[in-house]
Amino acid sequence: MKKVTELGQQLREMTAAFDDYKNKHVLQQNLVKELEETEAKLAEVV
Protein backbone atom coordinates (compact mmCIF):
# COMPACT_ATOMS: atom_id res chain seq x y z
CA MET A 1 0.00 0.00 0.00
CA LYS A 2 2.91 2.34 0.69
CA LYS A 3 4.08 1.97 -2.92
CA VAL A 4 0.63 2.99 -4.21
CA THR A 5 0.70 6.05 -1.95
CA GLU A 6 4.16 6.99 -3.22
CA LEU A 7 3.07 6.59 -6.83
CA GLY A 8 0.00 8.73 -6.16
CA GLN A 9 2.19 11.45 -4.67
CA GLN A 10 4.57 11.31 -7.64
CA LEU A 11 1.63 11.60 -10.03
CA ARG A 12 0.30 14.66 -8.17
CA GLU A 13 3.74 16.28 -8.28
CA MET A 14 4.14 15.57 -11.99
CA THR A 15 0.65 16.89 -12.70
CA ALA A 16 1.39 20.08 -10.75
CA ALA A 17 4.69 20.53 -12.59
CA PHE A 18 2.98 20.01 -15.96
CA ASP A 19 0.22 22.49 -15.07
CA ASP A 20 2.91 25.01 -14.09
CA TYR A 21 4.67 24.41 -17.43
CA LYS A 22 1.42 24.90 -19.36
CA ASN A 23 0.70 28.16 -17.52
CA LYS A 24 4.20 29.47 -18.24
CA HIS A 25 3.87 28.44 -21.89
CA VAL A 26 0.61 30.39 -22.23
CA LEU A 27 2.21 33.45 -20.60
CA GLN A 28 5.15 33.18 -22.98
CA GLN A 29 2.82 32.96 -26.00
CA ASN A 30 0.96 36.05 -24.80
CA LEU A 31 4.23 37.92 -24.32
CA VAL A 32 5.39 37.05 -27.85
CA LYS A 33 2.03 38.20 -29.25
CA GLU A 34 2.27 41.51 -27.37
CA LEU A 35 5.85 42.04 -28.57
CA GLU A 36 4.83 41.40 -32.18
CA GLU A 37 1.93 43.86 -31.85
CA THR A 38 4.24 46.47 -30.32
CA GLU A 39 6.78 45.98 -33.12
CA ALA A 40 4.03 46.48 -35.69
CA LYS A 41 2.91 49.71 -33.99
CA LEU A 42 6.50 50.97 -33.85
CA ALA A 43 6.97 50.17 -37.53
CA GLU A 44 3.94 52.34 -38.33
CA VAL A 45 5.41 55.25 -36.37
CA VAL A 46 8.86 55.05 -37.91
PDB file of N, CA and C in Angstrom:
ATOM      1  N   MET A   1       0.824  -1.197   0.000  1.00  0.00           N
ATOM      2  CA  MET A   1       0.000   0.000   0.000  1.00  0.00           C
ATOM      3  C   MET A   1       0.866   1.258   0.000  1.00  0.00           C
ATOM      4  N   LYS A   2       2.020   1.180   0.646  1.00  0.00           N
ATOM      5  CA  LYS A   2       2.914   2.337   0.687  1.00  0.00           C
ATOM      6  C   LYS A   2       3.364   2.724  -0.724  1.00  0.00           C
ATOM      7  N   LYS A   3       3.627   1.710  -1.550  1.00  0.00           N
ATOM      8  CA  LYS A   3       4.078   1.969  -2.918  1.00  0.00           C
ATOM      9  C   LYS A   3       3.002   2.715  -3.707  1.00  0.00           C
ATOM     10  N   VAL A   4       1.745   2.322  -3.523  1.00  0.00           N
ATOM     11  CA  VAL A   4       0.634   2.988  -4.208  1.00  0.00           C
ATOM     12  C   VAL A   4       0.554   4.452  -3.769  1.00  0.00           C
ATOM     13  N   THR A   5       0.724   4.681  -2.481  1.00  0.00           N
ATOM     14  CA  THR A   5       0.696   6.048  -1.947  1.00  0.00           C
ATOM     15  C   THR A   5       1.829   6.875  -2.542  1.00  0.00           C
ATOM     16  N   GLU A   6       3.015   6.282  -2.640  1.00  0.00           N
ATOM     17  CA  GLU A   6       4.162   6.987  -3.220  1.00  0.00           C
ATOM     18  C   GLU A   6       3.908   7.312  -4.687  1.00  0.00           C
ATOM     19  N   LEU A   7       3.359   6.353  -5.425  1.00  0.00           N
ATOM     20  CA  LEU A   7       3.065   6.588  -6.835  1.00  0.00           C
ATOM     21  C   LEU A   7       2.019   7.689  -6.994  1.00  0.00           C
ATOM     22  N   GLY A   8       1.022   7.677  -6.126  1.00  0.00           N
ATOM     23  CA  GLY A   8       0.001   8.725  -6.164  1.00  0.00           C
ATOM     24  C   GLY A   8       0.606  10.100  -5.918  1.00  0.00           C
ATOM     25  N   GLN A   9       1.520  10.177  -4.969  1.00  0.00           N
ATOM     26  CA  GLN A   9       2.192  11.449  -4.668  1.00  0.00           C
ATOM     27  C   GLN A   9       3.034  11.905  -5.852  1.00  0.00           C
ATOM     28  N   GLN A  10       3.755  10.973  -6.467  1.00  0.00           N
ATOM     29  CA  GLN A  10       4.567  11.315  -7.637  1.00  0.00           C
ATOM     30  C   GLN A  10       3.686  11.824  -8.770  1.00  0.00           C
ATOM     31  N   LEU A  11       2.548  11.181  -8.973  1.00  0.00           N
ATOM     32  CA  LEU A  11       1.630  11.602 -10.030  1.00  0.00           C
ATOM     33  C   LEU A  11       1.122  13.018  -9.767  1.00  0.00           C
ATOM     34  N   ARG A  12       0.771  13.306  -8.511  1.00  0.00           N
ATOM     35  CA  ARG A  12       0.302  14.655  -8.171  1.00  0.00           C
ATOM     36  C   ARG A  12       1.396  15.690  -8.423  1.00  0.00           C
ATOM     37  N   GLU A  13       2.626  15.358  -8.061  1.00  0.00           N
ATOM     38  CA  GLU A  13       3.743  16.285  -8.275  1.00  0.00           C
ATOM     39  C   GLU A  13       3.990  16.509  -9.767  1.00  0.00           C
ATOM     40  N   MET A  14       3.935  15.436 -10.550  1.00  0.00           N
ATOM     41  CA  MET A  14       4.140  15.566 -11.989  1.00  0.00           C
ATOM     42  C   MET A  14       3.016  16.378 -12.622  1.00  0.00           C
ATOM     43  N   THR A  15       1.792  16.147 -12.173  1.00  0.00           N
ATOM     44  CA  THR A  15       0.647  16.890 -12.697  1.00  0.00           C
ATOM     45  C   THR A  15       0.789  18.372 -12.372  1.00  0.00           C
ATOM     46  N   ALA A  16       1.197  18.684 -11.151  1.00  0.00           N
ATOM     47  CA  ALA A  16       1.390  20.079 -10.749  1.00  0.00           C
ATOM     48  C   ALA A  16       2.498  20.727 -11.579  1.00  0.00           C
ATOM     49  N   ALA A  17       3.583  20.001 -11.803  1.00  0.00           N
ATOM     50  CA  ALA A  17       4.690  20.534 -12.594  1.00  0.00           C
ATOM     51  C   ALA A  17       4.248  20.776 -14.033  1.00  0.00           C
ATOM     52  N   PHE A  18       3.450  19.858 -14.588  1.00  0.00           N
ATOM     53  CA  PHE A  18       2.976  20.011 -15.960  1.00  0.00           C
ATOM     54  C   PHE A  18       2.013  21.187 -16.065  1.00  0.00           C
ATOM     55  N   ASP A  19       1.133  21.352 -15.080  1.00  0.00           N
ATOM     56  CA  ASP A  19       0.217  22.495 -15.072  1.00  0.00           C
ATOM     57  C   ASP A  19       1.005  23.801 -15.021  1.00  0.00           C
ATOM     58  N   ASP A  20       2.049  23.827 -14.198  1.00  0.00           N
ATOM     59  CA  ASP A  20       2.905  25.008 -14.094  1.00  0.00           C
ATOM     60  C   ASP A  20       3.563  25.300 -15.439  1.00  0.00           C
ATOM     61  N   TYR A  21       4.051  24.255 -16.110  1.00  0.00           N
ATOM     62  CA  TYR A  21       4.667  24.407 -17.430  1.00  0.00           C
ATOM     63  C   TYR A  21       3.667  24.976 -18.423  1.00  0.00           C
ATOM     64  N   LYS A  22       2.438  24.418 -18.420  1.00  0.00           N
ATOM     65  CA  LYS A  22       1.420  24.903 -19.359  1.00  0.00           C
ATOM     66  C   LYS A  22       1.105  26.374 -19.112  1.00  0.00           C
ATOM     67  N   ASN A  23       0.988  26.766 -17.841  1.00  0.00           N
ATOM     68  CA  ASN A  23       0.702  28.164 -17.516  1.00  0.00           C
ATOM     69  C   ASN A  23       1.818  29.083 -17.999  1.00  0.00           C
ATOM     70  N   LYS A  24       3.067  28.664 -17.794  1.00  0.00           N
ATOM     71  CA  LYS A  24       4.202  29.472 -18.238  1.00  0.00           C
ATOM     72  C   LYS A  24       4.233  29.552 -19.761  1.00  0.00           C
ATOM     73  N   HIS A  25       3.881  28.462 -20.432  1.00  0.00           N
ATOM     74  CA  HIS A  25       3.870  28.442 -21.891  1.00  0.00           C
ATOM     75  C   HIS A  25       2.839  29.434 -22.423  1.00  0.00           C
ATOM     76  N   VAL A  26       1.654  29.459 -21.812  1.00  0.00           N
ATOM     77  CA  VAL A  26       0.609  30.393 -22.232  1.00  0.00           C
ATOM     78  C   VAL A  26       1.076  31.830 -22.014  1.00  0.00           C
ATOM     79  N   LEU A  27       1.694  32.098 -20.868  1.00  0.00           N
ATOM     80  CA  LEU A  27       2.206  33.446 -20.603  1.00  0.00           C
ATOM     81  C   LEU A  27       3.251  33.847 -21.639  1.00  0.00           C
ATOM     82  N   GLN A  28       4.112  32.895 -21.997  1.00  0.00           N
ATOM     83  CA  GLN A  28       5.150  33.177 -22.985  1.00  0.00           C
ATOM     84  C   GLN A  28       4.523  33.477 -24.347  1.00  0.00           C
ATOM     85  N   GLN A  29       3.501  32.709 -24.733  1.00  0.00           N
ATOM     86  CA  GLN A  29       2.822  32.958 -26.004  1.00  0.00           C
ATOM     87  C   GLN A  29       2.196  34.349 -26.011  1.00  0.00           C
ATOM     88  N   ASN A  30       1.567  34.728 -24.894  1.00  0.00           N
ATOM     89  CA  ASN A  30       0.959  36.055 -24.803  1.00  0.00           C
ATOM     90  C   ASN A  30       2.014  37.145 -24.911  1.00  0.00           C
ATOM     91  N   LEU A  31       3.156  36.938 -24.273  1.00  0.00           N
ATOM     92  CA  LEU A  31       4.234  37.916 -24.323  1.00  0.00           C
ATOM     93  C   LEU A  31       4.739  38.088 -25.755  1.00  0.00           C
ATOM     94  N   VAL A  32       4.933  36.987 -26.460  1.00  0.00           N
ATOM     95  CA  VAL A  32       5.391  37.052 -27.849  1.00  0.00           C
ATOM     96  C   VAL A  32       4.370  37.800 -28.702  1.00  0.00           C
ATOM     97  N   LYS A  33       3.095  37.516 -28.496  1.00  0.00           N
ATOM     98  CA  LYS A  33       2.035  38.198 -29.250  1.00  0.00           C
ATOM     99  C   LYS A  33       2.076  39.702 -28.992  1.00  0.00           C
ATOM    100  N   GLU A  34       2.210  40.084 -27.721  1.00  0.00           N
ATOM    101  CA  GLU A  34       2.273  41.506 -27.373  1.00  0.00           C
ATOM    102  C   GLU A  34       3.504  42.171 -27.985  1.00  0.00           C
ATOM    103  N   LEU A  35       4.633  41.480 -27.968  1.00  0.00           N
ATOM    104  CA  LEU A  35       5.848  42.042 -28.566  1.00  0.00           C
ATOM    105  C   LEU A  35       5.675  42.242 -30.069  1.00  0.00           C
ATOM    106  N   GLU A  36       5.056  41.273 -30.736  1.00  0.00           N
ATOM    107  CA  GLU A  36       4.829  41.398 -32.177  1.00  0.00           C
ATOM    108  C   GLU A  36       3.900  42.565 -32.476  1.00  0.00           C
ATOM    109  N   GLU A  37       2.855  42.739 -31.660  1.00  0.00           N
ATOM    110  CA  GLU A  37       1.930  43.858 -31.851  1.00  0.00           C
ATOM    111  C   GLU A  37       2.643  45.189 -31.619  1.00  0.00           C
ATOM    112  N   THR A  38       3.493  45.243 -30.614  1.00  0.00           N
ATOM    113  CA  THR A  38       4.245  46.467 -30.321  1.00  0.00           C
ATOM    114  C   THR A  38       5.207  46.786 -31.453  1.00  0.00           C
ATOM    115  N   GLU A  39       5.874  45.767 -31.985  1.00  0.00           N
ATOM    116  CA  GLU A  39       6.783  45.977 -33.118  1.00  0.00           C
ATOM    117  C   GLU A  39       6.027  46.534 -34.310  1.00  0.00           C
ATOM    118  N   ALA A  40       4.835  46.011 -34.564  1.00  0.00           N
ATOM    119  CA  ALA A  40       4.032  46.482 -35.690  1.00  0.00           C
ATOM    120  C   ALA A  40       3.648  47.950 -35.493  1.00  0.00           C
ATOM    121  N   LYS A  41       3.268  48.312 -34.282  1.00  0.00           N
ATOM    122  CA  LYS A  41       2.912  49.710 -33.993  1.00  0.00           C
ATOM    123  C   LYS A  41       4.124  50.622 -34.163  1.00  0.00           C
ATOM    124  N   LEU A  42       5.281  50.171 -33.697  1.00  0.00           N
ATOM    125  CA  LEU A  42       6.495  50.974 -33.848  1.00  0.00           C
ATOM    126  C   LEU A  42       6.862  51.137 -35.319  1.00  0.00           C
ATOM    127  N   ALA A  43       6.659  50.102 -36.101  1.00  0.00           N
ATOM    128  CA  ALA A  43       6.969  50.167 -37.526  1.00  0.00           C
ATOM    129  C   ALA A  43       6.088  51.208 -38.211  1.00  0.00           C
ATOM    130  N   GLU A  44       4.846  51.338 -37.760  1.00  0.00           N
ATOM    131  CA  GLU A  44       3.941  52.338 -38.333  1.00  0.00           C
ATOM    132  C   GLU A  44       4.418  53.746 -38.004  1.00  0.00           C
ATOM    133  N   VAL A  45       4.969  53.927 -36.820  1.00  0.00           N
ATOM    134  CA  VAL A  45       5.406  55.250 -36.372  1.00  0.00           C
ATOM    135  C   VAL A  45       6.669  55.681 -37.108  1.00  0.00           C
ATOM    136  N   VAL A  46       7.558  54.733 -37.313  1.00  0.00           N
ATOM    137  CA  VAL A  46       8.864  55.050 -37.914  1.00  0.00           C
ATOM    138  C   VAL A  46       8.778  55.215 -39.382  1.00  0.00           C
TER     139      VAL A  46
END
